[in-house]
């Protein structure tokens, strides 16, 4: 654990070993969010697409398949109501 001081403008320097570990580059972006009792700094990838890649990998079914299944069920319900 490393302790850093804030500057007169409340800026901090992220220590080199942490920048290297999380691949934080100069002019790169990080997300800073307030948690209950602490602040979190999350490095963001250069490409937003990269950040979203794999987000739904653990979802049990394809979202497109799920939408098609729901449409088929709606069609069946419509057919029942039209009889």
C-alpha atoms as a PDB file:
ATOM      1  CA  UNK A   1       0.000   0.000   0.000  1.00  0.00           C
ATOM      2  CA  UNK A   2       1.324   3.443  -0.900  1.00  0.00           C
ATOM      3  CA  UNK A   3       0.338   6.734   0.679  1.00  0.00           C
ATOM      4  CA  UNK A   4       0.412   9.848  -1.511  1.00  0.00           C
ATOM      5  CA  UNK A   5      -0.148  13.501  -0.686  1.00  0.00           C
ATOM      6  CA  UNK A   6      -2.552  15.775  -2.464  1.00  0.00           C
ATOM      7  CA  UNK A   7      -1.121  18.860  -4.116  1.00  0.00           C
ATOM      8  CA  UNK A   8      -2.291  22.403  -3.419  1.00  0.00           C
ATOM      9  CA  UNK A   9      -4.924  21.778  -6.134  1.00  0.00           C
ATOM     10  CA  UNK A  10      -5.955  18.442  -4.544  1.00  0.00           C
ATOM     11  CA  UNK A  11      -4.271  16.462  -7.329  1.00  0.00           C
ATOM     12  CA  UNK A  12      -2.556  13.139  -6.725  1.00  0.00           C
ATOM     13  CA  UNK A  13       0.113  11.171  -8.566  1.00  0.00           C
ATOM     14  CA  UNK A  14      -0.647   7.500  -9.138  1.00  0.00           C
ATOM     15  CA  UNK A  15       2.501   5.582  -8.196  1.00  0.00           C
ATOM     16  CA  UNK A  16       4.473   4.035 -11.056  1.00  0.00           C
ATOM     17  CA  UNK A  17       3.987   0.421  -9.936  1.00  0.00           C
ATOM     18  CA  UNK A  18       0.208   0.893  -9.902  1.00  0.00           C
ATOM     19  CA  UNK A  19       0.202   2.668 -13.285  1.00  0.00           C
ATOM     20  CA  UNK A  20       2.200  -0.191 -14.766  1.00  0.00           C
ATOM     21  CA  UNK A  21       0.085  -2.909 -13.157  1.00  0.00           C
ATOM     22  CA  UNK A  22      -3.164  -1.405 -14.510  1.00  0.00           C
ATOM     23  CA  UNK A  23      -1.692  -0.055 -17.762  1.00  0.00           C
ATOM     24  CA  UNK A  24      -2.568   3.562 -17.006  1.00  0.00           C
ATOM     25  CA  UNK A  25      -0.935   5.726 -19.651  1.00  0.00           C
ATOM     26  CA  UNK A  26      -0.328   9.496 -19.814  1.00  0.00           C
ATOM     27  CA  UNK A  27      -3.492  11.256 -20.999  1.00  0.00           C
ATOM     28  CA  UNK A  28      -5.424   8.020 -20.445  1.00  0.00           C
ATOM     29  CA  UNK A  29      -8.803   8.082 -18.764  1.00  0.00           C
ATOM     30  CA  UNK A  30      -9.817   6.712 -15.384  1.00  0.00           C
ATOM     31  CA  UNK A  31     -13.208   6.558 -13.728  1.00  0.00           C
ATOM     32  CA  UNK A  32     -13.319   7.987 -10.214  1.00  0.00           C
ATOM     33  CA  UNK A  33     -16.290   6.938  -8.154  1.00  0.00           C
ATOM     34  CA  UNK A  34     -17.307   7.411  -4.560  1.00  0.00           C
ATOM     35  CA  UNK A  35     -18.018   4.240  -2.639  1.00  0.00           C
ATOM     36  CA  UNK A  36     -19.499   4.180   0.862  1.00  0.00           C
ATOM     37  CA  UNK A  37     -16.350   5.076   2.744  1.00  0.00           C
ATOM     38  CA  UNK A  38     -13.656   5.317   0.071  1.00  0.00           C
ATOM     39  CA  UNK A  39     -12.878   6.452  -3.476  1.00  0.00           C
ATOM     40  CA  UNK A  40     -12.257   4.014  -6.331  1.00  0.00           C
ATOM     41  CA  UNK A  41     -10.140   4.737  -9.395  1.00  0.00           C
ATOM     42  CA  UNK A  42     -10.897   2.440 -12.335  1.00  0.00           C
ATOM     43  CA  UNK A  43      -8.726   2.608 -15.465  1.00  0.00           C
ATOM     44  CA  UNK A  44     -10.758   2.868 -18.673  1.00  0.00           C
ATOM     45  CA  UNK A  45      -9.629   1.316 -21.958  1.00  0.00           C
ATOM     46  CA  UNK A  46      -8.760   3.550 -24.889  1.00  0.00           C
ATOM     47  CA  UNK A  47     -11.702   2.072 -26.802  1.00  0.00           C
ATOM     48  CA  UNK A  48     -15.193   2.057 -25.230  1.00  0.00           C
ATOM     49  CA  UNK A  49     -16.001  -0.986 -27.392  1.00  0.00           C
ATOM     50  CA  UNK A  50     -13.187  -2.864 -25.664  1.00  0.00           C
ATOM     51  CA  UNK A  51     -14.749  -2.038 -22.310  1.00  0.00           C
ATOM     52  CA  UNK A  52     -18.097  -3.556 -23.359  1.00  0.00           C
ATOM     53  CA  UNK A  53     -16.641  -6.679 -24.975  1.00  0.00           C
ATOM     54  CA  UNK A  54     -17.770  -9.773 -23.132  1.00  0.00           C
ATOM     55  CA  UNK A  55     -20.189  -7.929 -20.865  1.00  0.00           C
ATOM     56  CA  UNK A  56     -22.976 -10.468 -21.530  1.00  0.00           C
ATOM     57  CA  UNK A  57     -20.789 -13.590 -21.853  1.00  0.00           C
ATOM     58  CA  UNK A  58     -22.318 -15.140 -18.752  1.00  0.00           C
ATOM     59  CA  UNK A  59     -25.883 -14.503 -19.890  1.00  0.00           C
ATOM     60  CA  UNK A  60     -27.399 -17.976 -20.372  1.00  0.00           C
ATOM     61  CA  UNK A  61     -28.906 -17.291 -23.809  1.00  0.00           C
ATOM     62  CA  UNK A  62     -28.315 -15.140 -26.822  1.00  0.00           C
ATOM     63  CA  UNK A  63     -30.237 -11.883 -26.465  1.00  0.00           C
ATOM     64  CA  UNK A  64     -31.333 -12.170 -30.111  1.00  0.00           C
ATOM     65  CA  UNK A  65     -32.631 -15.714 -29.473  1.00  0.00           C
ATOM     66  CA  UNK A  66     -34.475 -14.463 -26.396  1.00  0.00           C
ATOM     67  CA  UNK A  67     -36.141 -11.678 -28.409  1.00  0.00           C
ATOM     68  CA  UNK A  68     -37.198 -14.127 -31.143  1.00  0.00           C
ATOM     69  CA  UNK A  69     -38.619 -16.518 -28.524  1.00  0.00           C
ATOM     70  CA  UNK A  70     -40.657 -13.697 -26.988  1.00  0.00           C
ATOM     71  CA  UNK A  71     -41.979 -12.662 -30.410  1.00  0.00           C
ATOM     72  CA  UNK A  72     -43.065 -16.239 -31.167  1.00  0.00           C
ATOM     73  CA  UNK A  73     -44.907 -16.357 -27.841  1.00  0.00           C
ATOM     74  CA  UNK A  74     -46.584 -13.028 -28.634  1.00  0.00           C
ATOM     75  CA  UNK A  75     -47.626 -14.337 -32.058  1.00  0.00           C
ATOM     76  CA  UNK A  76     -49.145 -17.465 -30.470  1.00  0.00           C
ATOM     77  CA  UNK A  77     -51.037 -15.320 -27.981  1.00  0.00           C
ATOM     78  CA  UNK A  78     -52.326 -13.098 -30.792  1.00  0.00           C
ATOM     79  CA  UNK A  79     -53.522 -16.152 -32.730  1.00  0.00           C
ATOM     80  CA  UNK A  80     -55.418 -17.432 -29.669  1.00  0.00           C
ATOM     81  CA  UNK A  81     -57.101 -14.054 -29.198  1.00  0.00           C
ATOM     82  CA  UNK A  82     -58.146 -13.833 -32.863  1.00  0.00           C
ATOM     83  CA  UNK A  83     -59.983 -17.192 -32.845  1.00  0.00           C
END
